PDB file of N, CA and C in Angstrom:
ATOM      1  N   MET A   1      22.988 -16.578 -11.515  1.00  0.00           N
ATOM      2  CA  MET A   1      21.549 -16.140 -12.918  1.00  0.00           C
ATOM      3  C   MET A   1      21.133 -15.374 -11.449  1.00  0.00           C
ATOM      4  N   ASN A   2      20.101 -14.488 -11.880  1.00  0.00           N
ATOM      5  CA  ASN A   2      19.781 -13.787 -11.134  1.00  0.00           C
ATOM      6  C   ASN A   2      18.031 -14.207  -9.829  1.00  0.00           C
ATOM      7  N   SER A   3      18.382 -14.084  -9.377  1.00  0.00           N
ATOM      8  CA  SER A   3      16.368 -14.371  -9.453  1.00  0.00           C
ATOM      9  C   SER A   3      15.327 -12.981  -8.924  1.00  0.00           C
ATOM     10  N   ALA A   4      14.451 -12.675  -9.488  1.00  0.00           N
ATOM     11  CA  ALA A   4      13.453 -11.530  -9.728  1.00  0.00           C
ATOM     12  C   ALA A   4      12.765 -12.222  -8.338  1.00  0.00           C
ATOM     13  N   HIS A   5      12.463 -10.768  -7.907  1.00  0.00           N
ATOM     14  CA  HIS A   5      11.379 -11.104  -6.138  1.00  0.00           C
ATOM     15  C   HIS A   5      10.266  -9.894  -6.920  1.00  0.00           C
ATOM     16  N   ASN A   6       8.981 -11.078  -6.516  1.00  0.00           N
ATOM     17  CA  ASN A   6       8.192 -10.064  -7.275  1.00  0.00           C
ATOM     18  C   ASN A   6       7.493  -9.433  -5.790  1.00  0.00           C
ATOM     19  N   VAL A   7       6.708  -7.973  -5.635  1.00  0.00           N
ATOM     20  CA  VAL A   7       6.814  -7.117  -5.272  1.00  0.00           C
ATOM     21  C   VAL A   7       5.493  -6.063  -5.544  1.00  0.00           C
ATOM     22  N   ILE A   8       4.426  -6.817  -5.515  1.00  0.00           N
ATOM     23  CA  ILE A   8       2.797  -4.695  -5.829  1.00  0.00           C
ATOM     24  C   ILE A   8       2.834  -4.767  -5.091  1.00  0.00           C
ATOM     25  N   VAL A   9       2.676  -3.314  -3.851  1.00  0.00           N
ATOM     26  CA  VAL A   9       2.018  -2.391  -3.542  1.00  0.00           C
ATOM     27  C   VAL A   9      -0.061  -1.920  -3.658  1.00  0.00           C
ATOM     28  N   THR A  10      -0.602  -2.097  -1.962  1.00  0.00           N
ATOM     29  CA  THR A  10      -1.839  -2.265  -2.624  1.00  0.00           C
ATOM     30  C   THR A  10      -2.216  -0.144  -2.358  1.00  0.00           C
ATOM     31  N   PHE A  11      -3.681  -0.834  -3.629  1.00  0.00           N
ATOM     32  CA  PHE A  11      -3.835   0.703  -2.862  1.00  0.00           C
ATOM     33  C   PHE A  11      -4.149   1.833  -2.063  1.00  0.00           C
ATOM     34  N   ILE A  12      -4.110   3.134  -2.361  1.00  0.00           N
ATOM     35  CA  ILE A  12      -4.142   4.020  -1.019  1.00  0.00           C
ATOM     36  C   ILE A  12      -5.633   4.253  -0.982  1.00  0.00           C
ATOM     37  N   PRO A  13      -6.315   4.297   0.364  1.00  0.00           N
ATOM     38  CA  PRO A  13      -7.158   4.642  -0.197  1.00  0.00           C
ATOM     39  C   PRO A  13      -7.873   6.315   0.072  1.00  0.00           C
ATOM     40  N   ASN A  14      -8.293   7.101  -0.469  1.00  0.00           N
ATOM     41  CA  ASN A  14      -7.984   8.078  -0.322  1.00  0.00           C
ATOM     42  C   ASN A  14      -8.833   9.125  -0.162  1.00  0.00           C
ATOM     43  N   THR A  15      -9.443  10.552   0.198  1.00  0.00           N
ATOM     44  CA  THR A  15      -9.784  11.336   0.875  1.00  0.00           C
ATOM     45  C   THR A  15     -11.104  11.615  -0.209  1.00  0.00           C
ATOM     46  N   SER A  16     -10.456  12.315  -1.729  1.00  0.00           N
ATOM     47  CA  SER A  16     -10.695  13.185  -2.786  1.00  0.00           C
ATOM     48  C   SER A  16     -12.502  11.530  -2.780  1.00  0.00           C
ATOM     49  N   LYS A  17     -11.938  10.482  -3.002  1.00  0.00           N
ATOM     50  CA  LYS A  17     -13.648  10.132  -3.536  1.00  0.00           C
ATOM     51  C   LYS A  17     -13.589   9.073  -2.301  1.00  0.00           C
ATOM     52  N   GLU A  18     -13.994   9.039  -1.307  1.00  0.00           N
ATOM     53  CA  GLU A  18     -14.163   7.981  -0.624  1.00  0.00           C
ATOM     54  C   GLU A  18     -15.028   6.903  -0.859  1.00  0.00           C
ATOM     55  N   ILE A  19     -16.717   7.664  -1.495  1.00  0.00           N
ATOM     56  CA  ILE A  19     -17.103   6.271  -2.189  1.00  0.00           C
ATOM     57  C   ILE A  19     -16.898   5.281  -2.704  1.00  0.00           C
ATOM     58  N   GLN A  20     -15.220   5.496  -2.975  1.00  0.00           N
ATOM     59  CA  GLN A  20     -14.172   4.299  -3.825  1.00  0.00           C
ATOM     60  C   GLN A  20     -13.908   3.325  -2.592  1.00  0.00           C
ATOM     61  N   ILE A  21     -13.445   3.439  -1.404  1.00  0.00           N
ATOM     62  CA  ILE A  21     -13.070   2.840  -0.208  1.00  0.00           C
ATOM     63  C   ILE A  21     -13.602   1.631  -0.228  1.00  0.00           C
ATOM     64  N   PRO A  22     -14.520   1.235  -0.349  1.00  0.00           N
ATOM     65  CA  PRO A  22     -15.534  -0.347   0.077  1.00  0.00           C
ATOM     66  C   PRO A  22     -14.140  -1.171  -1.957  1.00  0.00           C
ATOM     67  N   ASP A  23     -14.414  -0.849  -2.966  1.00  0.00           N
ATOM     68  CA  ASP A  23     -14.281  -0.666  -4.300  1.00  0.00           C
ATOM     69  C   ASP A  23     -12.514  -0.903  -3.376  1.00  0.00           C
ATOM     70  N   ILE A  24     -11.934   0.172  -3.303  1.00  0.00           N
ATOM     71  CA  ILE A  24     -10.502  -0.511  -3.194  1.00  0.00           C
ATOM     72  C   ILE A  24     -10.358  -1.343  -2.421  1.00  0.00           C
ATOM     73  N   ASP A  25     -11.157  -1.483  -0.778  1.00  0.00           N
ATOM     74  CA  ASP A  25     -10.847  -2.750   0.107  1.00  0.00           C
ATOM     75  C   ASP A  25     -10.574  -3.698  -0.594  1.00  0.00           C
ATOM     76  N   ALA A  26     -11.995  -4.035  -1.598  1.00  0.00           N
ATOM     77  CA  ALA A  26     -12.166  -5.335  -2.271  1.00  0.00           C
ATOM     78  C   ALA A  26     -11.660  -5.916  -3.220  1.00  0.00           C
ATOM     79  N   ALA A  27     -10.112  -4.300  -3.392  1.00  0.00           N
ATOM     80  CA  ALA A  27      -9.738  -4.764  -4.754  1.00  0.00           C
ATOM     81  C   ALA A  27      -8.319  -4.856  -3.942  1.00  0.00           C
ATOM     82  N   ASN A  28      -8.278  -4.607  -2.452  1.00  0.00           N
ATOM     83  CA  ASN A  28      -6.949  -4.746  -1.714  1.00  0.00           C
ATOM     84  C   ASN A  28      -6.954  -5.542  -1.553  1.00  0.00           C
ATOM     85  N   LYS A  29      -7.678  -6.469  -1.283  1.00  0.00           N
ATOM     86  CA  LYS A  29      -8.303  -8.067  -0.890  1.00  0.00           C
ATOM     87  C   LYS A  29      -8.132  -9.003  -1.591  1.00  0.00           C
ATOM     88  N   THR A  30      -8.460  -8.736  -2.899  1.00  0.00           N
ATOM     89  CA  THR A  30      -8.655  -9.420  -4.063  1.00  0.00           C
ATOM     90  C   THR A  30      -6.848  -9.995  -4.352  1.00  0.00           C
ATOM     91  N   ILE A  31      -5.916  -7.905  -3.537  1.00  0.00           N
ATOM     92  CA  ILE A  31      -4.601  -9.041  -4.554  1.00  0.00           C
ATOM     93  C   ILE A  31      -3.798  -9.337  -2.615  1.00  0.00           C
ATOM     94  N   VAL A  32      -4.135  -9.510  -2.228  1.00  0.00           N
ATOM     95  CA  VAL A  32      -4.093  -9.909  -1.291  1.00  0.00           C
ATOM     96  C   VAL A  32      -3.958 -11.580  -1.140  1.00  0.00           C
ATOM     97  N   GLU A  33      -4.954 -11.734  -1.650  1.00  0.00           N
ATOM     98  CA  GLU A  33      -5.171 -13.429  -1.497  1.00  0.00           C
ATOM     99  C   GLU A  33      -4.536 -14.138  -3.181  1.00  0.00           C
ATOM    100  N   ASN A  34      -4.771 -13.124  -4.180  1.00  0.00           N
ATOM    101  CA  ASN A  34      -3.654 -14.282  -5.113  1.00  0.00           C
ATOM    102  C   ASN A  34      -2.478 -14.011  -4.687  1.00  0.00           C
ATOM    103  N   CYS A  35      -2.180 -13.178  -4.342  1.00  0.00           N
ATOM    104  CA  CYS A  35       0.123 -13.064  -3.816  1.00  0.00           C
ATOM    105  C   CYS A  35      -0.248 -13.676  -2.586  1.00  0.00           C
ATOM    106  N   ASP A  36      -0.628 -14.204  -1.750  1.00  0.00           N
ATOM    107  CA  ASP A  36      -0.679 -15.043  -1.136  1.00  0.00           C
ATOM    108  C   ASP A  36      -0.129 -16.776  -1.835  1.00  0.00           C
ATOM    109  N   GLY A  37       1.017 -17.512  -1.484  1.00  0.00           N
ATOM    110  CA  GLY A  37       1.227 -18.694  -1.637  1.00  0.00           C
ATOM    111  C   GLY A  37       1.932 -18.839  -2.995  1.00  0.00           C
ATOM    112  N   ASN A  38       1.464 -17.691  -3.914  1.00  0.00           N
ATOM    113  CA  ASN A  38       2.771 -17.493  -4.969  1.00  0.00           C
ATOM    114  C   ASN A  38       3.616 -16.584  -4.916  1.00  0.00           C
ATOM    115  N   GLN A  39       4.316 -15.909  -4.394  1.00  0.00           N
ATOM    116  CA  GLN A  39       6.020 -16.250  -3.968  1.00  0.00           C
ATOM    117  C   GLN A  39       5.706 -14.611  -4.323  1.00  0.00           C
ATOM    118  N   ILE A  40       4.532 -13.788  -3.716  1.00  0.00           N
ATOM    119  CA  ILE A  40       4.951 -12.309  -4.320  1.00  0.00           C
ATOM    120  C   ILE A  40       4.629 -11.438  -2.648  1.00  0.00           C
ATOM    121  N   SER A  41       5.180 -10.551  -2.803  1.00  0.00           N
ATOM    122  CA  SER A  41       5.287 -10.113  -1.724  1.00  0.00           C
ATOM    123  C   SER A  41       4.161  -8.955  -1.764  1.00  0.00           C
ATOM    124  N   VAL A  42       3.632  -8.592  -0.223  1.00  0.00           N
ATOM    125  CA  VAL A  42       2.497  -7.446  -0.892  1.00  0.00           C
ATOM    126  C   VAL A  42       3.171  -5.983   0.744  1.00  0.00           C
ATOM    127  N   ILE A  43       3.003  -5.002  -0.750  1.00  0.00           N
ATOM    128  CA  ILE A  43       3.382  -4.248   1.019  1.00  0.00           C
ATOM    129  C   ILE A  43       2.157  -3.293   0.279  1.00  0.00           C
ATOM    130  N   ASP A  44       1.677  -3.254   2.164  1.00  0.00           N
ATOM    131  CA  ASP A  44       0.107  -2.944   2.088  1.00  0.00           C
ATOM    132  C   ASP A  44       0.112  -1.920   3.436  1.00  0.00           C
ATOM    133  N   LEU A  45       0.486  -0.227   3.030  1.00  0.00           N
ATOM    134  CA  LEU A  45       0.701   0.445   3.982  1.00  0.00           C
ATOM    135  C   LEU A  45      -0.459   1.154   4.794  1.00  0.00           C
ATOM    136  N   ASN A  46      -2.004   0.713   5.033  1.00  0.00           N
ATOM    137  CA  ASN A  46      -3.379   0.614   4.755  1.00  0.00           C
ATOM    138  C   ASN A  46      -3.366   1.164   6.297  1.00  0.00           C
ATOM    139  N   HIS A  47      -2.599   0.190   7.047  1.00  0.00           N
ATOM    140  CA  HIS A  47      -3.151  -0.370   8.329  1.00  0.00           C
ATOM    141  C   HIS A  47      -2.236   0.834   9.353  1.00  0.00           C
ATOM    142  N   PHE A  48      -0.769   1.786   7.684  1.00  0.00           N
ATOM    143  CA  PHE A  48      -0.097   2.466   9.393  1.00  0.00           C
ATOM    144  C   PHE A  48      -0.105   3.812   8.725  1.00  0.00           C
ATOM    145  N   ILE A  49      -1.486   4.039   7.434  1.00  0.00           N
ATOM    146  CA  ILE A  49      -1.819   5.532   6.651  1.00  0.00           C
ATOM    147  C   ILE A  49      -3.326   5.951   6.488  1.00  0.00           C
ATOM    148  N   ALA A  50      -3.880   4.784   6.899  1.00  0.00           N
ATOM    149  CA  ALA A  50      -4.809   4.735   6.566  1.00  0.00           C
ATOM    150  C   ALA A  50      -5.963   3.316   7.587  1.00  0.00           C
ATOM    151  N   PRO A  51      -6.303   3.760   9.081  1.00  0.00           N
ATOM    152  CA  PRO A  51      -6.699   2.924   9.813  1.00  0.00           C
ATOM    153  C   PRO A  51      -8.020   2.906  10.074  1.00  0.00           C
ATOM    154  N   GLU A  52      -8.481   3.569   9.255  1.00  0.00           N
ATOM    155  CA  GLU A  52      -9.481   3.464   9.712  1.00  0.00           C
ATOM    156  C   GLU A  52     -10.126   3.618   8.327  1.00  0.00           C
ATOM    157  N   GLY A  53      -9.725   3.133   7.461  1.00  0.00           N
ATOM    158  CA  GLY A  53      -9.537   3.572   5.485  1.00  0.00           C
ATOM    159  C   GLY A  53     -10.149   4.224   5.167  1.00  0.00           C
ATOM    160  N   ILE A  54      -9.602   5.858   5.633  1.00  0.00           N
ATOM    161  CA  ILE A  54      -9.517   7.379   4.919  1.00  0.00           C
ATOM    162  C   ILE A  54      -7.319   7.662   5.268  1.00  0.00           C
ATOM    163  N   LEU A  55      -7.055   7.397   4.461  1.00  0.00           N
ATOM    164  CA  LEU A  55      -6.002   8.287   4.326  1.00  0.00           C
ATOM    165  C   LEU A  55      -5.939   9.603   5.158  1.00  0.00           C
ATOM    166  N   LEU A  56      -4.490   9.081   6.129  1.00  0.00           N
ATOM    167  CA  LEU A  56      -4.925  10.208   7.493  1.00  0.00           C
ATOM    168  C   LEU A  56      -3.905  11.506   6.485  1.00  0.00           C
ATOM    169  N   LYS A  57      -4.484  12.911   7.383  1.00  0.00           N
ATOM    170  CA  LYS A  57      -3.805  13.628   6.598  1.00  0.00           C
ATOM    171  C   LYS A  57      -2.508  13.931   6.907  1.00  0.00           C
ATOM    172  N   GLN A  58      -1.931  13.867   8.094  1.00  0.00           N
ATOM    173  CA  GLN A  58      -0.561  13.717   8.626  1.00  0.00           C
ATOM    174  C   GLN A  58       0.261  13.173   7.489  1.00  0.00           C
ATOM    175  N   TYR A  59      -0.067  11.833   6.604  1.00  0.00           N
ATOM    176  CA  TYR A  59       0.136  11.744   5.605  1.00  0.00           C
ATOM    177  C   TYR A  59       0.256  12.046   4.032  1.00  0.00           C
ATOM    178  N   SER A  60      -0.779  12.826   4.017  1.00  0.00           N
ATOM    179  CA  SER A  60      -1.089  13.319   2.343  1.00  0.00           C
ATOM    180  C   SER A  60      -1.658  15.249   2.478  1.00  0.00           C
ATOM    181  N   ASN A  61      -1.169  15.840   1.147  1.00  0.00           N
ATOM    182  CA  ASN A  61      -1.326  17.245   2.019  1.00  0.00           C
ATOM    183  C   ASN A  61      -2.839  17.897   1.417  1.00  0.00           C
ATOM    184  N   ASP A  62      -3.007  16.710  -0.036  1.00  0.00           N
ATOM    185  CA  ASP A  62      -4.282  17.115  -0.799  1.00  0.00           C
ATOM    186  C   ASP A  62      -5.242  15.311  -0.532  1.00  0.00           C
ATOM    187  N   GLY A  63      -5.038  14.811  -0.117  1.00  0.00           N
ATOM    188  CA  GLY A  63      -6.396  13.754   0.241  1.00  0.00           C
ATOM    189  C   GLY A  63      -6.095  12.663  -0.341  1.00  0.00           C
ATOM    190  N   LEU A  64      -5.412  12.805  -1.635  1.00  0.00           N
ATOM    191  CA  LEU A  64      -4.754  11.681  -3.048  1.00  0.00           C
ATOM    192  C   LEU A  64      -3.942  11.752  -2.332  1.00  0.00           C
ATOM    193  N   HIS A  65      -2.726  12.216  -2.572  1.00  0.00           N
ATOM    194  CA  HIS A  65      -1.426  11.729  -2.855  1.00  0.00           C
ATOM    195  C   HIS A  65      -0.402  11.850  -1.727  1.00  0.00           C
ATOM    196  N   LEU A  66       0.666  11.000  -1.344  1.00  0.00           N
ATOM    197  CA  LEU A  66       1.733  11.010  -0.114  1.00  0.00           C
ATOM    198  C   LEU A  66       2.445  12.007  -0.389  1.00  0.00           C
ATOM    199  N   ASN A  67       2.175  12.807   1.221  1.00  0.00           N
ATOM    200  CA  ASN A  67       3.406  13.520   1.302  1.00  0.00           C
ATOM    201  C   ASN A  67       4.460  13.123   1.544  1.00  0.00           C
ATOM    202  N   LYS A  68       5.481  13.974   2.035  1.00  0.00           N
ATOM    203  CA  LYS A  68       6.994  13.981   2.317  1.00  0.00           C
ATOM    204  C   LYS A  68       7.250  12.263   3.117  1.00  0.00           C
ATOM    205  N   LYS A  69       6.239  12.846   4.230  1.00  0.00           N
ATOM    206  CA  LYS A  69       6.054  11.956   5.159  1.00  0.00           C
ATOM    207  C   LYS A  69       5.351  10.637   4.817  1.00  0.00           C
ATOM    208  N   GLY A  70       4.558  10.632   4.105  1.00  0.00           N
ATOM    209  CA  GLY A  70       4.160   9.289   3.801  1.00  0.00           C
ATOM    210  C   GLY A  70       5.232   8.942   2.769  1.00  0.00           C
ATOM    211  N   THR A  71       5.643   9.045   1.735  1.00  0.00           N
ATOM    212  CA  THR A  71       6.165   8.710   1.004  1.00  0.00           C
ATOM    213  C   THR A  71       7.527   8.126   1.647  1.00  0.00           C
ATOM    214  N   GLN A  72       7.695   8.686   2.620  1.00  0.00           N
ATOM    215  CA  GLN A  72       9.747   8.702   3.506  1.00  0.00           C
ATOM    216  C   GLN A  72       8.719   6.679   3.805  1.00  0.00           C
ATOM    217  N   LEU A  73       7.694   7.067   4.250  1.00  0.00           N
ATOM    218  CA  LEU A  73       7.523   5.297   5.042  1.00  0.00           C
ATOM    219  C   LEU A  73       6.579   4.590   3.659  1.00  0.00           C
ATOM    220  N   TRP A  74       6.317   5.016   3.233  1.00  0.00           N
ATOM    221  CA  TRP A  74       6.196   4.179   1.658  1.00  0.00           C
ATOM    222  C   TRP A  74       7.475   2.996   1.682  1.00  0.00           C
ATOM    223  N   VAL A  75       9.211   4.128   1.080  1.00  0.00           N
ATOM    224  CA  VAL A  75      10.290   3.981   0.433  1.00  0.00           C
ATOM    225  C   VAL A  75      10.971   2.493   2.275  1.00  0.00           C
ATOM    226  N   ASP A  76      10.573   2.947   3.401  1.00  0.00           N
ATOM    227  CA  ASP A  76      10.231   2.549   3.706  1.00  0.00           C
ATOM    228  C   ASP A  76      10.143   0.995   4.156  1.00  0.00           C
ATOM    229  N   ARG A  77       8.980   0.731   4.115  1.00  0.00           N
ATOM    230  CA  ARG A  77       8.731  -0.022   4.022  1.00  0.00           C
ATOM    231  C   ARG A  77       8.881  -1.338   2.613  1.00  0.00           C
ATOM    232  N   VAL A  78       8.509  -0.245   1.294  1.00  0.00           N
ATOM    233  CA  VAL A  78       9.655  -1.941   0.631  1.00  0.00           C
ATOM    234  C   VAL A  78      11.024  -1.422   0.967  1.00  0.00           C
ATOM    235  N   ASP A  79      11.765  -0.680   1.260  1.00  0.00           N
ATOM    236  CA  ASP A  79      13.636  -0.953   1.747  1.00  0.00           C
ATOM    237  C   ASP A  79      12.982  -2.024   2.771  1.00  0.00           C
ATOM    238  N   LEU A  80      12.535  -2.589   3.773  1.00  0.00           N
ATOM    239  CA  LEU A  80      11.949  -3.793   4.460  1.00  0.00           C
ATOM    240  C   LEU A  80      11.634  -5.890   3.703  1.00  0.00           C
ATOM    241  N   ILE A  81      11.126  -4.832   2.488  1.00  0.00           N
ATOM    242  CA  ILE A  81      10.372  -6.266   1.501  1.00  0.00           C
ATOM    243  C   ILE A  81      12.066  -6.309   1.078  1.00  0.00           C
ATOM    244  N   LEU A  82      12.201  -5.321  -0.037  1.00  0.00           N
ATOM    245  CA  LEU A  82      13.347  -6.128  -0.705  1.00  0.00           C
ATOM    246  C   LEU A  82      14.632  -5.988   0.168  1.00  0.00           C
ATOM    247  N   ASP A  83      15.066  -6.073   1.283  1.00  0.00           N
ATOM    248  CA  ASP A  83      16.276  -6.095   2.019  1.00  0.00           C
ATOM    249  C   ASP A  83      16.109  -7.810   3.084  1.00  0.00           C
ATOM    250  N   LYS A  84      14.343  -8.021   2.285  1.00  0.00           N
ATOM    251  CA  LYS A  84      14.448  -9.724   2.585  1.00  0.00           C
ATOM    252  C   LYS A  84      14.141 -10.526   2.017  1.00  0.00           C
ATOM    253  N   THR A  85      14.932 -10.211   0.160  1.00  0.00           N
ATOM    254  CA  THR A  85      15.352 -10.593  -0.810  1.00  0.00           C
ATOM    255  C   THR A  85      16.502 -11.530  -1.011  1.00  0.00           C
TER     256      THR A  85
END
């Protein structure tokens, strides 16, 4: 029988609605706290793509959606987690 591995990706702050950043930070903190110890891996790209709490321009063309570079980073981090299972 195959064993499933649960993975969750945190929310990414965006520059189109900067007022929401504190709510996104709080939601991400709750995600991490609830996953810790429950055999759920968390992928949090924010320290790479939004180190100051705002999505870096190099990873997005519109401040909301990841561009090719941002998507590749996301794929690489997902692969790292999945390779560990």
